[in-house]
Amino acid sequence: MSIGMTGDTMNCNATGHTAHRDQSGWHVSWLPDRALTRNQAITAMVLGEAAARDPRPGDRIWAHAGAWAAELGLAGAAEAVSMARTRTPEVSRAPRQDRKPA
């Protein structure tokens, strides 16, 4: 696994996906409009890394992907893998508290 974590950020060198914490919770680059708990953010990062390996139904990791998707409130492994693979990571995204109003 290639996920690095600090108190307020997570990153995955393999995928470019990131997560950061602000006042409302954790935000993951492939689920940008959702506030997650720390555990859910870790799950999303692991799922994003698994999705990069292009799992298919019948692969050993597919059942895990389905369970991780359920933890995140997603319909299943297929939806989660598709979302994580098609959403471009916002690698340079600054945490919300650092943003200036437009």
Protein backbone atom coordinates (compact mmCIF):
# COMPACT_ATOMS: atom_id res chain seq x y z
CA MET A 1 0.00 0.00 0.00
CA SER A 2 1.31 3.43 -0.84
CA ILE A 3 -0.91 5.68 1.27
CA GLY A 4 0.78 8.29 3.43
CA MET A 5 -1.03 9.89 6.37
CA THR A 6 -0.48 12.87 8.63
CA GLY A 7 -2.90 14.45 11.09
CA ASP A 8 -4.78 16.42 8.43
CA THR A 9 -3.89 14.88 5.06
CA MET A 10 -3.61 11.57 3.24
CA ASN A 11 -2.11 10.89 -0.15
CA CYS A 12 -1.60 7.92 -2.42
CA ASN A 13 1.51 8.00 -4.57
CA ALA A 14 0.14 5.25 -6.82
CA THR A 15 -3.03 7.13 -7.82
CA GLY A 16 -2.56 10.80 -6.95
CA HIS A 17 -5.72 10.74 -4.85
CA THR A 18 -5.62 12.87 -1.74
CA ALA A 19 -7.71 13.52 1.35
CA HIS A 20 -7.71 16.45 3.71
CA ARG A 21 -9.51 17.35 6.90
CA ASP A 22 -11.35 20.59 7.57
CA GLN A 23 -14.06 21.71 10.00
CA SER A 24 -16.74 19.59 8.35
CA GLY A 25 -14.74 16.35 8.15
CA TRP A 26 -12.49 14.54 5.69
CA HIS A 27 -12.71 15.13 1.93
CA VAL A 28 -11.30 12.65 -0.60
CA SER A 29 -10.37 13.74 -4.12
CA TRP A 30 -12.60 11.16 -5.83
CA LEU A 31 -15.55 11.94 -3.50
CA PRO A 32 -15.11 15.73 -3.28
CA ASP A 33 -18.65 16.69 -2.25
CA ARG A 34 -18.84 14.38 0.75
CA ALA A 35 -17.68 14.96 4.32
CA LEU A 36 -16.36 11.69 5.71
CA THR A 37 -15.11 10.41 9.03
CA ARG A 38 -11.41 9.60 9.35
CA ASN A 39 -12.14 5.88 9.02
CA GLN A 40 -14.27 6.45 5.93
CA ALA A 41 -11.51 8.58 4.39
CA ILE A 42 -9.01 5.78 4.97
CA THR A 43 -11.47 3.33 3.40
CA ALA A 44 -11.93 5.65 0.39
CA MET A 45 -8.17 5.95 -0.06
CA VAL A 46 -7.71 2.17 0.10
CA LEU A 47 -10.60 1.70 -2.32
CA GLY A 48 -9.07 4.28 -4.67
CA GLU A 49 -5.78 2.41 -4.65
CA ALA A 50 -7.56 -0.92 -5.25
CA ALA A 51 -9.50 0.63 -8.14
CA ALA A 52 -6.25 1.64 -9.80
CA ARG A 53 -5.49 -2.07 -10.15
CA ASP A 54 -8.67 -2.41 -12.24
CA PRO A 55 -10.40 -5.17 -10.25
CA ARG A 56 -13.18 -7.20 -11.91
CA PRO A 57 -16.03 -9.31 -10.53
CA GLY A 58 -14.52 -12.60 -9.42
CA ASP A 59 -11.17 -11.07 -8.40
CA ARG A 60 -10.27 -11.76 -4.77
CA ILE A 61 -10.45 -8.07 -3.89
CA TRP A 62 -13.92 -7.56 -5.46
CA ALA A 63 -15.83 -8.62 -2.32
CA HIS A 64 -13.69 -6.27 -0.23
CA ALA A 65 -14.37 -3.45 -2.68
CA GLY A 66 -18.09 -4.08 -2.25
CA ALA A 67 -17.82 -3.90 1.53
CA TRP A 68 -15.74 -0.72 1.33
CA ALA A 69 -18.28 0.81 -1.05
CA ALA A 70 -21.08 0.01 1.40
CA GLU A 71 -19.16 1.73 4.20
CA LEU A 72 -19.09 4.83 2.01
CA GLY A 73 -22.79 4.63 1.13
CA LEU A 74 -22.14 3.68 -2.50
CA ALA A 75 -24.21 1.16 -4.44
CA GLY A 76 -21.47 -1.43 -4.80
CA ALA A 77 -17.99 -2.28 -5.99
CA ALA A 78 -18.73 -1.46 -9.64
CA GLU A 79 -19.91 2.09 -8.83
CA ALA A 80 -17.04 2.75 -6.42
CA VAL A 81 -14.34 1.41 -8.74
CA SER A 82 -15.74 3.41 -11.65
CA MET A 83 -15.87 6.62 -9.61
CA ALA A 84 -12.35 6.20 -8.23
CA ARG A 85 -10.94 5.43 -11.68
CA THR A 86 -12.69 8.23 -13.59
CA ARG A 87 -12.48 11.16 -11.20
CA THR A 88 -9.28 13.11 -11.64
CA PRO A 89 -7.43 13.63 -8.38
CA GLU A 90 -7.17 17.21 -7.20
CA VAL A 91 -3.56 16.87 -6.15
CA SER A 92 -3.00 20.59 -5.61
CA ARG A 93 -6.28 21.22 -3.79
CA ALA A 94 -5.76 23.23 -0.63
CA PRO A 95 -7.78 22.51 2.52
CA ARG A 96 -10.96 24.58 2.68
CA GLN A 97 -9.91 26.67 5.69
CA ASP A 98 -6.95 27.95 3.65
CA ARG A 99 -9.07 29.14 0.74
CA LYS A 100 -9.90 32.79 0.33
CA PRO A 101 -13.46 33.80 -0.60
CA ALA A 102 -14.01 34.55 -4.28
